[in-house]
Amino acid sequence: MSTRFLQLHTLTSYPASLLNRDDAGFAKRIQFGGAVRTRVSSQCLKRHWRTADDDHALDRIEIEGGAVPMAVRSRRTFETYVYQPLVDSNVPKDIAEAICHGMLEEVLGESKKAKAAKKKAQDDGEKAEGDADVRTKQVTVIGRPEVDYLLQVAEELATEATDAKAAKEATKKRLKDKAFRANLRRIGAGLDAALFGRMTTGDMLARSDAAIHVAHAFTVHEGQFETDYFSAIDDLQDAQETGSGHINTAELASGLFYEYVVVDVPLLVSNLTGCVRRDWQSADPDGRQLAGDVVQRLIHLMATISPGAKLGSTAPYAHAHLVLVEAGNSQPRTLANAFLDPVPRRGALNGAFKALDEHLADLEGMYGATTTRRLAAMGPVDLLQTAPQGHPRGSVAEVAEWAAQQVRG
């Protein structure tokens, strides 16, 4: 039977750094096992993987001789990719605005409250708040193919428009057409939306459920925090002046972090190919190949791409000490509970390897061996007896290739 789920685990150590901070500027935290741990949010991790610019970057995957299309995440999508191109091609601004507003209402939906407020403002002879603004109130996730199609339709509508009111009415009528809706749904939401999902406020854009599930990373031991006092000296101050030009503090943390990701392979193939989820094994082979490429790159990104604020003053770059990949068909289960009791800070890597291996042995003793595994690791690898499952340790590249083959079939 083909693999339904891939589970990816890493252990990565970071020295003095501020990988992910909260609204007050402190390192994010979480209580786990009665101890405070340093935490990195899944949103932070996903953003760094999505935007990575190296040999394994997701946007460097090629299909049909070109880069695989990504999604645009912004409040300014319609402003940048629809309104401005129309204006640049000499479409009157009021008509360009009207077309964009019609698209926003039909594609993303508009609440009854917003419609009532706009109607009241128009009845009062006022311009509704934001009426000249084609930005959305929230960040939207729209695929570049979808955006390009919307611009194409907008250009067609602009050539026929006589005034702003007529342009908006024509836009809404066109977008209600079944052919338009079918085309928009068929085009796709972009690679990153296919991987990490997107919510939609209207029924025009197809909702994409995340095929890749990302847990918050946390330290396997109690959190270790330090307040860093720093100052900036004014190089041009007078000789008699003392003191600094700026004084401040920042919180730094260090630790060994456990990361966990699940890949729902049938859903990933479905999102990338448009096939029904249950028919994923008979999907277009090119789609299975693309899904394998995604998994292969994701493993490299997890192992080598570091999140982090304060890059210039902490250089928070590290590679994983351990990459463990599991393939199976049963419901996934995290290995985070290996660290329910925090490992000692001294010898944290030894403690983490031992705890992880013992937890895997306990799971197999209770539930049986439900996955096949491949391991890449460095350090005290002799402590890993159950994790390798009899297979020799490989490199990250070898483990990533093995995982990709589980997807390609």
Protein backbone atom coordinates (compact mmCIF):
# COMPACT_ATOMS: atom_id res chain seq x y z
CA MET A 1 0.00 0.00 0.00
CA SER A 2 1.23 3.50 -0.80
CA THR A 3 2.31 5.80 2.02
CA ARG A 4 -0.52 8.01 3.29
CA PHE A 5 1.43 10.00 5.87
CA LEU A 6 4.99 11.18 6.22
CA GLN A 7 6.15 12.36 9.64
CA LEU A 8 9.22 14.56 9.83
CA HIS A 9 11.14 15.14 13.07
CA THR A 10 14.20 17.29 13.71
CA LEU A 11 16.35 18.31 16.67
CA THR A 12 18.23 21.58 16.20
CA SER A 13 20.35 23.51 18.71
CA TYR A 14 20.61 27.31 18.75
CA PRO A 15 22.92 29.39 20.97
CA ALA A 16 22.12 32.97 22.05
CA SER A 17 19.27 33.99 19.74
CA LEU A 18 15.74 35.33 19.57
CA LEU A 19 14.11 32.96 17.10
CA ASN A 20 10.51 34.08 17.56
CA ARG A 21 9.29 36.92 19.79
CA ASP A 22 5.90 37.82 21.21
CA ASP A 23 4.08 41.15 21.14
CA ALA A 24 6.25 42.45 24.00
CA GLY A 25 9.51 41.48 22.32
CA PHE A 26 10.23 38.47 24.55
CA ALA A 27 11.01 34.98 23.31
CA LYS A 28 7.82 32.98 22.85
CA ARG A 29 7.16 30.38 25.53
CA ILE A 30 4.95 27.38 26.24
CA GLN A 31 4.29 25.30 29.34
CA PHE A 32 4.85 21.60 28.70
CA GLY A 33 5.36 18.86 31.25
CA GLY A 34 5.26 21.37 34.09
CA ALA A 35 8.20 23.33 32.70
CA VAL A 36 8.42 26.53 30.67
CA ARG A 37 9.94 25.90 27.25
CA THR A 38 11.14 28.31 24.58
CA ARG A 39 8.83 28.10 21.57
CA VAL A 40 8.86 28.90 17.86
CA SER A 41 5.41 29.22 16.31
CA SER A 42 4.37 27.12 13.33
CA GLN A 43 3.50 30.31 11.45
CA CYS A 44 7.07 31.54 11.88
CA LEU A 45 8.52 28.24 10.69
CA LYS A 46 6.26 28.05 7.64
CA ARG A 47 7.03 31.59 6.56
CA HIS A 48 10.79 30.94 6.62
CA TRP A 49 10.34 27.72 4.64
CA ARG A 50 8.05 29.41 2.12
CA THR A 51 10.37 32.36 1.55
CA ALA A 52 13.71 30.51 1.69
CA ASP A 53 15.98 31.46 -1.20
CA ASP A 54 18.49 28.67 -1.68
CA ASP A 55 19.01 25.59 -3.82
CA HIS A 56 16.06 23.86 -2.13
CA ALA A 57 13.64 26.81 -2.29
CA LEU A 58 10.05 25.83 -3.04
CA ASP A 59 9.68 28.52 -5.68
CA ARG A 60 12.56 26.99 -7.66
CA ILE A 61 10.65 23.83 -8.46
CA GLU A 62 10.17 23.75 -12.23
CA ILE A 63 7.17 22.40 -14.12
CA GLU A 64 6.73 22.52 -17.88
CA GLY A 65 9.93 24.51 -18.25
CA GLY A 66 9.00 27.25 -15.77
CA ALA A 67 8.89 27.88 -12.04
CA VAL A 68 5.90 26.44 -10.22
CA PRO A 69 3.45 29.29 -9.47
CA MET A 70 3.25 30.46 -5.87
CA ALA A 71 0.55 32.46 -4.09
CA VAL A 72 0.42 36.16 -3.24
CA ARG A 73 -0.17 36.90 0.47
CA SER A 74 -1.12 40.52 0.87
CA ARG A 75 -3.80 43.13 1.47
CA ARG A 76 -2.55 44.86 -1.69
CA THR A 77 -3.02 42.06 -4.20
CA PHE A 78 -5.83 43.72 -6.18
CA GLU A 79 -4.15 47.10 -5.94
CA THR A 80 -0.79 45.83 -7.22
CA TYR A 81 -1.79 43.20 -9.75
CA VAL A 82 -5.16 44.42 -11.07
CA TYR A 83 -5.79 48.11 -10.39
CA GLN A 84 -2.30 49.43 -11.12
CA PRO A 85 -1.83 47.51 -14.40
CA LEU A 86 -5.20 48.85 -15.59
CA VAL A 87 -4.21 52.42 -14.75
CA ASP A 88 -0.81 51.92 -16.39
CA SER A 89 -2.61 50.89 -19.58
CA ASN A 90 -4.56 54.18 -19.55
CA VAL A 91 -7.81 52.90 -18.07
CA PRO A 92 -9.45 55.80 -16.16
CA LYS A 93 -8.87 55.46 -12.41
CA ASP A 94 -12.56 55.53 -11.52
CA ILE A 95 -13.30 52.69 -13.92
CA ALA A 96 -10.28 50.67 -12.68
CA GLU A 97 -11.48 51.18 -9.09
CA ALA A 98 -15.03 50.17 -9.97
CA ILE A 99 -13.87 46.95 -11.62
CA CYS A 100 -11.66 46.07 -8.65
CA HIS A 101 -14.48 46.78 -6.18
CA GLY A 102 -16.82 44.57 -8.17
CA MET A 103 -14.23 41.79 -8.11
CA LEU A 104 -13.60 42.18 -4.40
CA GLU A 105 -17.31 41.90 -3.62
CA GLU A 106 -17.85 38.86 -5.80
CA VAL A 107 -14.59 36.98 -5.33
CA LEU A 108 -14.02 37.57 -1.61
CA GLY A 109 -17.56 38.33 -0.51
CA GLU A 110 -18.87 41.30 1.42
CA SER A 111 -20.71 41.14 4.74
CA LYS A 112 -24.25 42.48 5.10
CA LYS A 113 -22.94 45.02 7.61
CA ALA A 114 -20.36 46.34 5.14
CA LYS A 115 -22.94 46.53 2.34
CA ALA A 116 -25.38 48.39 4.59
CA ALA A 117 -22.71 50.90 5.64
CA LYS A 118 -21.72 51.52 2.03
CA LYS A 119 -25.34 51.96 0.93
CA LYS A 120 -26.02 54.41 3.76
CA ALA A 121 -22.96 56.46 2.83
CA GLN A 122 -24.10 56.55 -0.79
CA ASP A 123 -27.65 57.53 0.19
CA ASP A 124 -26.23 60.31 2.34
CA GLY A 125 -24.22 61.56 -0.62
CA GLU A 126 -20.95 60.60 1.01
CA LYS A 127 -18.15 58.47 -0.26
CA ALA A 128 -17.98 55.25 1.72
CA GLU A 129 -14.91 54.86 3.87
CA GLY A 130 -12.16 53.19 1.89
CA ASP A 131 -14.21 53.46 -1.32
CA ALA A 132 -11.16 54.78 -3.18
CA ASP A 133 -8.98 52.03 -1.74
CA VAL A 134 -8.81 48.61 -3.36
CA ARG A 135 -6.86 46.98 -0.55
CA THR A 136 -8.53 44.26 1.48
CA LYS A 137 -8.99 44.57 5.22
CA GLN A 138 -7.16 41.29 5.78
CA VAL A 139 -4.29 39.48 4.10
CA THR A 140 -5.59 37.25 1.32
CA VAL A 141 -3.89 34.21 -0.19
CA ILE A 142 -4.49 34.16 -3.94
CA GLY A 143 -2.50 32.15 -6.47
CA ARG A 144 -0.58 34.00 -9.15
CA PRO A 145 -2.48 32.10 -11.87
CA GLU A 146 -5.73 33.28 -10.26
CA VAL A 147 -4.46 36.87 -10.10
CA ASP A 148 -3.35 36.76 -13.75
CA TYR A 149 -6.77 35.47 -14.80
CA LEU A 150 -8.53 38.21 -12.84
CA LEU A 151 -6.39 40.84 -14.56
CA GLN A 152 -7.21 39.34 -17.96
CA VAL A 153 -10.94 39.56 -17.20
CA ALA A 154 -10.52 43.09 -15.82
CA GLU A 155 -8.81 44.22 -19.04
CA GLU A 156 -11.65 42.81 -21.11
CA LEU A 157 -14.23 44.58 -18.96
CA ALA A 158 -12.30 47.86 -19.10
CA THR A 159 -12.44 47.96 -22.92
CA GLU A 160 -16.24 47.79 -22.80
CA ALA A 161 -16.84 50.17 -19.87
CA THR A 162 -18.37 53.60 -20.48
CA ASP A 163 -18.39 54.80 -16.88
CA ALA A 164 -17.59 53.57 -13.38
CA LYS A 165 -21.14 52.51 -12.48
CA ALA A 166 -21.55 50.49 -15.65
CA ALA A 167 -18.10 48.96 -15.17
CA LYS A 168 -18.95 47.71 -11.70
CA GLU A 169 -22.29 46.27 -12.79
CA ALA A 170 -20.66 44.53 -15.76
CA THR A 171 -17.94 43.13 -13.50
CA LYS A 172 -20.41 41.66 -11.03
CA LYS A 173 -22.46 40.17 -13.87
CA ARG A 174 -19.38 38.62 -15.49
CA LEU A 175 -18.15 37.14 -12.24
CA LYS A 176 -21.51 35.51 -11.55
CA ASP A 177 -21.17 33.60 -14.81
CA LYS A 178 -20.68 29.85 -14.32
CA ALA A 179 -17.89 29.71 -16.87
CA PHE A 180 -15.89 32.34 -14.98
CA ARG A 181 -16.32 30.48 -11.68
CA ALA A 182 -15.32 27.18 -13.27
CA ASN A 183 -12.19 28.72 -14.79
CA LEU A 184 -11.16 30.35 -11.52
CA ARG A 185 -11.57 27.14 -9.54
CA ARG A 186 -9.66 25.11 -12.12
CA ILE A 187 -6.63 27.43 -12.15
CA GLY A 188 -5.39 26.68 -8.62
CA ALA A 189 -4.29 28.61 -5.56
CA GLY A 190 -0.51 28.46 -5.95
CA LEU A 191 2.01 26.04 -4.50
CA ASP A 192 2.32 27.44 -0.98
CA ALA A 193 -1.48 27.55 -0.55
CA ALA A 194 -1.65 23.94 -1.73
CA LEU A 195 0.89 23.03 0.95
CA PHE A 196 -0.14 25.15 3.92
CA GLY A 197 -3.78 25.87 3.04
CA ARG A 198 -5.85 29.00 2.78
CA MET A 199 -9.11 30.26 4.22
CA THR A 200 -11.59 32.07 2.00
CA THR A 201 -14.34 34.50 2.98
CA GLY A 202 -16.45 33.91 -0.11
CA ASP A 203 -17.37 30.82 -2.11
CA MET A 204 -15.69 31.99 -5.33
CA LEU A 205 -12.15 30.91 -4.45
CA ALA A 206 -11.68 27.27 -3.64
CA ARG A 207 -10.74 26.71 -0.02
CA SER A 208 -7.51 24.72 0.31
CA ASP A 209 -7.04 22.55 3.38
CA ALA A 210 -3.42 22.34 4.51
CA ALA A 211 -1.70 19.16 3.32
CA ILE A 212 1.31 19.90 5.51
CA HIS A 213 0.66 20.17 9.25
CA VAL A 214 3.30 22.02 11.25
CA ALA A 215 3.62 21.86 15.04
CA HIS A 216 5.11 24.61 17.18
CA ALA A 217 8.75 23.85 17.89
CA PHE A 218 9.86 23.85 21.54
CA THR A 219 12.96 23.18 23.62
CA VAL A 220 13.35 19.64 24.94
CA HIS A 221 14.59 21.11 28.23
CA GLU A 222 13.44 24.02 30.39
CA GLY A 223 13.76 27.38 28.74
CA GLN A 224 17.00 29.30 29.20
CA PHE A 225 16.60 33.06 28.99
CA GLU A 226 19.00 35.97 29.40
CA THR A 227 18.40 39.74 29.33
CA ASP A 228 20.95 41.33 27.03
CA TYR A 229 21.87 44.92 27.95
CA PHE A 230 23.32 46.87 25.05
CA SER A 231 24.22 50.42 24.14
CA ALA A 232 25.12 52.40 21.03
CA ILE A 233 27.92 54.94 21.22
CA ASP A 234 27.66 58.23 19.34
CA ASP A 235 30.88 58.39 17.31
CA LEU A 236 30.51 62.15 16.76
CA GLN A 237 29.89 63.24 20.34
CA ASP A 238 32.14 65.90 21.88
CA ALA A 239 35.20 64.83 23.84
CA GLN A 240 33.70 66.09 27.11
CA GLU A 241 30.45 64.20 26.61
CA THR A 242 30.01 60.87 28.39
CA GLY A 243 27.46 58.15 28.11
CA SER A 244 25.94 56.47 25.09
CA GLY A 245 23.59 57.54 22.36
CA HIS A 246 21.19 54.69 23.01
CA ILE A 247 20.60 52.11 25.76
CA ASN A 248 18.21 49.19 25.61
CA THR A 249 17.70 45.55 26.54
CA ALA A 250 16.57 42.47 24.65
CA GLU A 251 15.81 38.94 25.73
CA LEU A 252 17.90 36.15 24.30
CA ALA A 253 17.38 32.42 24.60
CA SER A 254 19.22 29.23 23.72
CA GLY A 255 18.19 25.64 23.46
CA LEU A 256 17.71 22.36 21.62
CA PHE A 257 14.43 22.48 19.69
CA TYR A 258 12.19 19.62 18.58
CA GLU A 259 10.26 20.22 15.34
CA TYR A 260 7.45 18.03 13.99
CA VAL A 261 5.70 18.10 10.61
CA VAL A 262 3.11 15.78 9.07
CA VAL A 263 2.56 15.48 5.32
CA ASP A 264 -0.89 14.22 4.31
CA VAL A 265 0.23 12.65 1.02
CA PRO A 266 -3.22 12.04 -0.56
CA LEU A 267 -4.28 15.61 0.18
CA LEU A 268 -0.98 17.00 -1.08
CA VAL A 269 -1.38 15.17 -4.39
CA SER A 270 -5.03 16.24 -4.57
CA ASN A 271 -4.18 19.90 -3.92
CA LEU A 272 -1.43 19.88 -6.54
CA THR A 273 -3.28 18.00 -9.28
CA GLY A 274 -6.94 18.81 -8.67
CA CYS A 275 -7.87 15.13 -8.42
CA VAL A 276 -10.31 13.83 -5.83
CA ARG A 277 -8.42 12.95 -2.65
CA ARG A 278 -9.45 9.29 -2.68
CA ASP A 279 -8.13 8.94 -6.26
CA TRP A 280 -4.66 10.25 -5.44
CA GLN A 281 -2.87 7.00 -6.31
CA SER A 282 -4.12 7.19 -9.90
CA ALA A 283 -3.35 10.91 -10.23
CA ASP A 284 -1.26 12.37 -13.03
CA PRO A 285 2.30 11.02 -12.61
CA ASP A 286 3.63 14.55 -13.05
CA GLY A 287 1.56 15.57 -10.04
CA ARG A 288 3.02 12.73 -7.96
CA GLN A 289 6.47 13.82 -9.11
CA LEU A 290 5.77 17.40 -8.04
CA ALA A 291 4.52 16.23 -4.64
CA GLY A 292 7.72 14.21 -4.21
CA ASP A 293 9.83 17.23 -5.12
CA VAL A 294 7.98 19.29 -2.51
CA VAL A 295 8.63 16.73 0.22
CA GLN A 296 12.28 16.39 -0.74
CA ARG A 297 12.82 20.13 -0.54
CA LEU A 298 10.80 20.51 2.65
CA ILE A 299 13.08 18.08 4.49
CA HIS A 300 16.14 20.06 3.42
CA LEU A 301 14.45 23.30 4.51
CA MET A 302 13.53 21.91 7.92
CA ALA A 303 17.11 20.76 8.46
CA THR A 304 18.91 23.88 7.26
CA ILE A 305 16.69 26.98 7.32
CA SER A 306 16.72 28.89 10.61
CA PRO A 307 13.98 31.20 11.82
CA GLY A 308 15.09 34.22 13.76
CA ALA A 309 14.73 37.86 14.65
CA LYS A 310 17.78 40.06 15.38
CA LEU A 311 19.73 38.41 12.58
CA GLY A 312 22.41 41.09 12.54
CA SER A 313 23.24 40.79 16.24
CA THR A 314 22.80 37.05 16.88
CA ALA A 315 23.46 35.23 13.56
CA PRO A 316 20.94 32.49 14.51
CA TYR A 317 21.96 29.96 11.88
CA ALA A 318 22.17 26.24 12.64
CA HIS A 319 21.65 22.87 10.99
CA ALA A 320 19.75 20.01 12.57
CA HIS A 321 21.56 17.38 14.64
CA LEU A 322 18.88 14.83 13.76
CA VAL A 323 16.41 14.33 10.91
CA LEU A 324 14.02 11.40 11.31
CA VAL A 325 11.44 10.60 8.62
CA GLU A 326 8.62 8.08 9.11
CA ALA A 327 6.31 6.69 6.44
CA GLY A 328 3.05 4.91 7.24
CA ASN A 329 -0.70 4.68 6.86
CA SER A 330 -1.91 4.99 10.46
CA GLN A 331 -2.89 8.30 12.03
CA PRO A 332 0.32 10.21 12.80
CA ARG A 333 1.53 10.74 16.36
CA THR A 334 4.07 13.25 17.58
CA LEU A 335 7.23 12.25 19.40
CA ALA A 336 7.01 15.39 21.53
CA ASN A 337 6.00 13.28 24.52
CA ALA A 338 9.52 11.91 24.59
CA PHE A 339 10.30 15.25 26.23
CA LEU A 340 7.29 15.48 28.52
CA ASP A 341 9.84 15.28 31.30
CA PRO A 342 12.40 17.93 30.29
CA VAL A 343 15.86 16.55 29.65
CA PRO A 344 18.72 17.95 31.77
CA ARG A 345 20.29 21.10 30.36
CA ARG A 346 23.78 19.65 30.71
CA GLY A 347 24.20 17.00 28.06
CA ALA A 348 20.92 18.03 26.39
CA LEU A 349 21.72 16.35 23.07
CA ASN A 350 22.61 13.04 24.76
CA GLY A 351 19.47 13.29 26.84
CA ALA A 352 17.29 14.12 23.84
CA PHE A 353 18.64 11.24 21.73
CA LYS A 354 18.12 8.80 24.57
CA ALA A 355 14.63 10.08 25.42
CA LEU A 356 13.56 10.00 21.76
CA ASP A 357 14.79 6.48 21.25
CA GLU A 358 13.24 5.16 24.46
CA HIS A 359 9.90 6.76 23.58
CA LEU A 360 9.93 5.12 20.14
CA ALA A 361 10.67 1.77 21.77
CA ASP A 362 7.77 2.27 24.21
CA LEU A 363 5.40 3.20 21.38
CA GLU A 364 6.34 0.11 19.39
CA GLY A 365 6.01 -2.07 22.48
CA MET A 366 2.45 -0.83 23.02
CA TYR A 367 1.17 -0.33 19.44
CA GLY A 368 3.59 -2.25 17.27
CA ALA A 369 5.80 -0.86 14.52
CA THR A 370 3.38 1.26 12.48
CA THR A 371 5.93 3.14 10.37
CA THR A 372 9.09 2.59 8.39
CA ARG A 373 11.88 5.05 9.13
CA ARG A 374 15.03 6.61 7.79
CA LEU A 375 17.47 8.58 9.92
CA ALA A 376 20.19 11.18 9.43
CA ALA A 377 22.01 12.23 12.60
CA MET A 378 25.31 13.41 14.03
CA GLY A 379 26.66 13.43 17.56
CA PRO A 380 26.00 10.64 20.09
CA VAL A 381 24.30 8.40 17.50
CA ASP A 382 25.13 5.23 19.47
CA LEU A 383 22.27 6.23 21.77
CA LEU A 384 19.85 5.71 18.87
CA GLN A 385 19.02 2.01 18.76
CA THR A 386 15.30 1.88 17.93
CA ALA A 387 15.07 4.92 15.66
CA PRO A 388 17.24 3.57 12.81
CA GLN A 389 14.99 0.46 12.65
CA GLY A 390 17.89 -1.59 11.37
CA HIS A 391 18.68 0.75 8.51
CA PRO A 392 22.07 2.49 8.38
CA ARG A 393 22.18 6.20 9.01
CA GLY A 394 22.14 8.24 5.83
CA SER A 395 22.77 11.82 4.85
CA VAL A 396 19.97 14.39 4.80
CA ALA A 397 20.00 14.17 1.00
CA GLU A 398 19.54 10.38 1.12
CA VAL A 399 16.73 10.58 3.67
CA ALA A 400 14.99 13.31 1.65
CA GLU A 401 15.26 11.23 -1.54
CA TRP A 402 13.82 8.19 0.25
CA ALA A 403 10.87 10.26 1.49
CA ALA A 404 10.25 11.63 -1.99
CA GLN A 405 10.10 8.10 -3.39
CA GLN A 406 7.40 7.19 -0.85
CA VAL A 407 5.28 9.92 -2.40
CA ARG A 408 6.11 9.28 -6.04
CA GLY A 409 5.27 5.60 -5.68
